C-alpha atoms as a PDB file:
ATOM      1  CA  MET A   1      -3.490  -9.350 -10.999  1.00  0.00           C
ATOM      2  CA  LYS A   2      -5.087  -8.217  -7.824  1.00  0.00           C
ATOM      3  CA  TRP A   3      -4.158  -5.155  -5.831  1.00  0.00           C
ATOM      4  CA  ASN A   4      -5.391  -2.664  -3.091  1.00  0.00           C
ATOM      5  CA  HIS A   5      -4.156  -0.057  -1.317  1.00  0.00           C
ATOM      6  CA  ARG A   6      -2.449  -0.785   2.078  1.00  0.00           C
ATOM      7  CA  VAL A   7      -0.289   0.548   5.021  1.00  0.00           C
ATOM      8  CA  VAL A   8       3.115  -0.974   4.282  1.00  0.00           C
ATOM      9  CA  ASP A   9       5.934  -0.858   6.684  1.00  0.00           C
ATOM     10  CA  LEU A  10       8.715   0.838   5.277  1.00  0.00           C
ATOM     11  CA  SER A  11      11.096   0.763   7.851  1.00  0.00           C
ATOM     12  CA  ALA A  12      13.633  -1.398   6.047  1.00  0.00           C
ATOM     13  CA  GLU A  13      13.811   1.397   3.357  1.00  0.00           C
ATOM     14  CA  ASN A  14      14.425   4.059   5.939  1.00  0.00           C
ATOM     15  CA  ASN A  15      17.537   2.657   7.780  1.00  0.00           C
ATOM     16  CA  GLY A  16      15.328   0.517  10.231  1.00  0.00           C
ATOM     17  CA  GLU A  17      13.838   3.680  11.544  1.00  0.00           C
ATOM     18  CA  PRO A  18       9.889   3.580  11.588  1.00  0.00           C
ATOM     19  CA  MET A  19       7.977   4.520   8.657  1.00  0.00           C
ATOM     20  CA  LEU A  20       4.472   3.714   7.511  1.00  0.00           C
ATOM     21  CA  GLY A  21       3.122   4.658   4.141  1.00  0.00           C
ATOM     22  CA  PHE A  22      -0.001   4.269   1.845  1.00  0.00           C
ATOM     23  CA  ARG A  23       1.065   1.962  -1.195  1.00  0.00           C
ATOM     24  CA  GLU A  24      -0.700  -0.016  -3.960  1.00  0.00           C
ATOM     25  CA  VAL A  25      -0.240  -3.525  -2.973  1.00  0.00           C
ATOM     26  CA  SER A  26      -0.297  -6.195  -5.503  1.00  0.00           C
ATOM     27  CA  TYR A  27      -0.852  -9.858  -4.625  1.00  0.00           C
ATOM     28  CA  SER A  28       0.157 -13.290  -5.976  1.00  0.00           C
ATOM     29  CA  ASP A  29      -2.592 -16.068  -6.880  1.00  0.00           C
ATOM     30  CA  ASP A  30      -2.425 -17.491  -3.349  1.00  0.00           C
ATOM     31  CA  GLY A  31      -3.388 -14.118  -1.944  1.00  0.00           C
ATOM     32  CA  THR A  32      -0.198 -13.303  -0.354  1.00  0.00           C
ATOM     33  CA  PRO A  33       1.344  -9.674  -0.764  1.00  0.00           C
ATOM     34  CA  ASP A  34       4.120 -10.007  -3.251  1.00  0.00           C
ATOM     35  CA  GLY A  35       5.074  -6.430  -3.916  1.00  0.00           C
ATOM     36  CA  TYR A  36       4.137  -2.891  -3.931  1.00  0.00           C
ATOM     37  CA  GLY A  37       4.245   0.517  -5.954  1.00  0.00           C
ATOM     38  CA  GLU A  38       5.495   4.137  -5.353  1.00  0.00           C
ATOM     39  CA  PRO A  39       4.027   6.539  -3.293  1.00  0.00           C
ATOM     40  CA  PHE A  40       0.824   8.146  -4.972  1.00  0.00           C
ATOM     41  CA  MET A  41      -1.762  10.742  -4.251  1.00  0.00           C
ATOM     42  CA  ILE A  42      -3.049  11.959  -7.933  1.00  0.00           C
ATOM     43  CA  SER A  43      -6.088  11.784  -9.867  1.00  0.00           C
ATOM     44  CA  GLU A  44      -7.546  13.150 -12.880  1.00  0.00           C
ATOM     45  CA  THR A  45     -10.766  14.352 -11.321  1.00  0.00           C
ATOM     46  CA  MET A  46     -12.287  15.187  -8.042  1.00  0.00           C
ATOM     47  CA  ASP A  47     -14.282  12.124  -8.139  1.00  0.00           C
ATOM     48  CA  GLY A  48     -10.930  10.026  -8.478  1.00  0.00           C
ATOM     49  CA  LEU A  49      -9.642  11.592  -5.518  1.00  0.00           C
ATOM     50  CA  ARG A  50     -12.615  10.692  -3.334  1.00  0.00           C
ATOM     51  CA  GLU A  51     -12.733   7.237  -4.533  1.00  0.00           C
ATOM     52  CA  LEU A  52      -8.610   7.295  -3.710  1.00  0.00           C
ATOM     53  CA  ILE A  53      -9.513   8.712  -0.124  1.00  0.00           C
ATOM     54  CA  GLU A  54     -12.429   5.739   0.254  1.00  0.00           C
ATOM     55  CA  ARG A  55      -9.850   3.152  -0.581  1.00  0.00           C
ATOM     56  CA  LEU A  56      -7.241   4.621   1.659  1.00  0.00           C
ATOM     57  CA  GLN A  57      -9.693   4.701   4.626  1.00  0.00           C
ATOM     58  CA  LYS A  58     -10.460   1.039   3.941  1.00  0.00           C
ATOM     59  CA  ALA A  59      -6.556   0.440   4.113  1.00  0.00           C
ATOM     60  CA  LEU A  60      -6.467   1.740   7.800  1.00  0.00           C
ATOM     61  CA  ALA A  61      -8.893  -1.003   8.551  1.00  0.00           C
ATOM     62  CA  GLU A  62      -6.306  -3.723   7.504  1.00  0.00           C
ATOM     63  CA  PRO A  63      -3.409  -4.976   9.204  1.00  0.00           C
ATOM     64  CA  VAL A  64      -0.043  -3.477   8.199  1.00  0.00           C
ATOM     65  CA  VAL A  65       1.873  -5.147   5.568  1.00  0.00           C
ATOM     66  CA  LYS A  66       5.286  -5.962   6.251  1.00  0.00           C
ATOM     67  CA  PHE A  67       7.521  -7.522   3.562  1.00  0.00           C
ATOM     68  CA  GLY A  68      10.506  -9.705   3.925  1.00  0.00           C
ATOM     69  CA  ASP A  69      14.237  -8.770   2.787  1.00  0.00           C
ATOM     70  CA  ASP A  70      13.475 -11.224  -0.091  1.00  0.00           C
ATOM     71  CA  THR A  71      10.609  -8.948  -1.719  1.00  0.00           C
END
């Protein structure tokens, strides 16, 4: 399974009020986003946290992922 960190539009989970969040997004075989994980910001090491920050910076360069009601 392929995944990366992305900014996800979470407005549907917030009664339609605007809300964005960093999430781990998984992808189907054809490359379309098909789900996302819970919020996170932990690591076992400082190097792990540095890697996380690098991935989050990359996520800011990508379009916001918006899932439909059927996801």
